[in-house]
C-alpha atoms as a PDB file:
ATOM      1  CA  MET A   1      -1.586  -2.634 -43.260  1.00  0.00           C
ATOM      2  CA  ALA A   2       1.064  -1.531 -40.007  1.00  0.00           C
ATOM      3  CA  LYS A   3       3.355  -4.010 -38.833  1.00  0.00           C
ATOM      4  CA  THR A   4       2.771  -4.521 -34.940  1.00  0.00           C
ATOM      5  CA  GLN A   5       6.381  -5.054 -32.896  1.00  0.00           C
ATOM      6  CA  LYS A   6       6.891  -7.574 -30.959  1.00  0.00           C
ATOM      7  CA  THR A   7      10.377  -7.515 -29.017  1.00  0.00           C
ATOM      8  CA  GLY A   8       9.923 -12.048 -28.275  1.00  0.00           C
ATOM      9  CA  ALA A   9       7.675 -14.352 -29.215  1.00  0.00           C
ATOM     10  CA  GLY A  10       6.551 -16.248 -25.720  1.00  0.00           C
ATOM     11  CA  LYS A  11       8.806 -13.635 -23.953  1.00  0.00           C
ATOM     12  CA  LYS A  12       7.552 -12.615 -19.905  1.00  0.00           C
ATOM     13  CA  LEU A  13       8.567 -10.461 -16.915  1.00  0.00           C
ATOM     14  CA  ARG A  14       8.604 -10.326 -13.880  1.00  0.00           C
ATOM     15  CA  VAL A  15       7.985  -7.762 -11.744  1.00  0.00           C
ATOM     16  CA  THR A  16       8.049  -7.222  -8.337  1.00  0.00           C
ATOM     17  CA  LEU A  17       6.501  -4.147  -6.253  1.00  0.00           C
ATOM     18  CA  VAL A  18       9.365  -2.568  -3.893  1.00  0.00           C
ATOM     19  CA  ARG A  19       7.763   0.840  -2.797  1.00  0.00           C
ATOM     20  CA  SER A  20       4.465   1.511  -1.829  1.00  0.00           C
ATOM     21  CA  PRO A  21       2.393   3.706  -4.780  1.00  0.00           C
ATOM     22  CA  PHE A  22       0.865   5.543  -2.172  1.00  0.00           C
ATOM     23  CA  GLY A  23       1.132   9.254  -1.995  1.00  0.00           C
ATOM     24  CA  THR A  24       2.418   8.867  -5.822  1.00  0.00           C
ATOM     25  CA  GLY A  25      -0.463  10.087  -7.710  1.00  0.00           C
ATOM     26  CA  LYS A  26      -3.314   8.490  -9.828  1.00  0.00           C
ATOM     27  CA  ARG A  27      -1.275   7.425 -12.330  1.00  0.00           C
ATOM     28  CA  HIS A  28       1.274   5.766 -11.493  1.00  0.00           C
ATOM     29  CA  ILE A  29      -0.962   3.932  -9.177  1.00  0.00           C
ATOM     30  CA  ALA A  30      -3.498   2.830 -12.138  1.00  0.00           C
ATOM     31  CA  CYS A  31       0.007   1.439 -14.284  1.00  0.00           C
ATOM     32  CA  VAL A  32       0.189  -0.632 -11.119  1.00  0.00           C
ATOM     33  CA  LYS A  33      -2.942  -1.901 -10.672  1.00  0.00           C
ATOM     34  CA  GLY A  34      -2.947  -2.336 -14.427  1.00  0.00           C
ATOM     35  CA  LEU A  35       0.704  -4.423 -14.559  1.00  0.00           C
ATOM     36  CA  GLY A  36      -1.077  -6.889 -11.584  1.00  0.00           C
ATOM     37  CA  LEU A  37       0.776  -5.403  -8.575  1.00  0.00           C
ATOM     38  CA  ARG A  38      -0.988  -5.020  -5.387  1.00  0.00           C
ATOM     39  CA  ARG A  39       0.903  -5.358  -1.930  1.00  0.00           C
ATOM     40  CA  ILE A  40       5.300  -4.808  -1.034  1.00  0.00           C
ATOM     41  CA  ARG A  41       6.656  -7.619  -2.710  1.00  0.00           C
ATOM     42  CA  HIS A  42       4.152  -9.065  -4.941  1.00  0.00           C
ATOM     43  CA  SER A  43       5.632 -10.522  -8.773  1.00  0.00           C
ATOM     44  CA  VAL A  44       4.050 -11.408 -11.469  1.00  0.00           C
ATOM     45  CA  GLU A  45       5.484 -12.092 -14.490  1.00  0.00           C
ATOM     46  CA  VAL A  46       3.589 -11.140 -17.523  1.00  0.00           C
ATOM     47  CA  ASP A  47       4.212 -10.949 -21.107  1.00  0.00           C
ATOM     48  CA  ASP A  48       6.949  -8.838 -23.039  1.00  0.00           C
ATOM     49  CA  THR A  49       4.547  -6.016 -25.119  1.00  0.00           C
ATOM     50  CA  PRO A  50       5.089  -2.514 -25.412  1.00  0.00           C
ATOM     51  CA  ALA A  51       2.806  -1.614 -23.470  1.00  0.00           C
ATOM     52  CA  ILE A  52       4.292  -3.140 -20.579  1.00  0.00           C
ATOM     53  CA  ARG A  53       7.337  -2.508 -21.053  1.00  0.00           C
ATOM     54  CA  GLY A  54       6.371   1.792 -21.259  1.00  0.00           C
ATOM     55  CA  MET A  55       4.097   0.487 -17.336  1.00  0.00           C
ATOM     56  CA  ILE A  56       7.290   0.036 -16.021  1.00  0.00           C
ATOM     57  CA  ASP A  57       8.641   2.550 -17.380  1.00  0.00           C
ATOM     58  CA  LYS A  58       6.580   5.244 -15.870  1.00  0.00           C
ATOM     59  CA  VAL A  59       6.863   3.404 -12.292  1.00  0.00           C
ATOM     60  CA  ALA A  60      10.020   2.308 -12.687  1.00  0.00           C
ATOM     61  CA  TYR A  61      11.078   3.853  -8.856  1.00  0.00           C
ATOM     62  CA  MET A  62       8.160   1.955  -7.441  1.00  0.00           C
ATOM     63  CA  VAL A  63       9.599  -1.626  -9.088  1.00  0.00           C
ATOM     64  CA  LYS A  64      12.368  -3.664  -9.830  1.00  0.00           C
ATOM     65  CA  PHE A  65      12.097  -6.778 -12.763  1.00  0.00           C
ATOM     66  CA  GLU A  66      14.361  -9.300 -14.734  1.00  0.00           C
ATOM     67  CA  GLU A  67      13.535 -11.359 -17.655  1.00  0.00           C
ATOM     68  CA  VAL A  68      12.528 -15.098 -16.990  1.00  0.00           C
END
């Protein structure tokens, strides 16, 4: 049975869009939408999971994030 890796029980990240995703490619726009970001300076709190961390790493030049 495979074990799932968790970065912390109940940890959250606050992610803020600081740059427009237009002109960046379909996959990067999909990551921004998947994070729940809608417009510049919009912030959301998401769970700290490896999948979310991967999405943030892919669009790191467009977002800023901090642990809550």
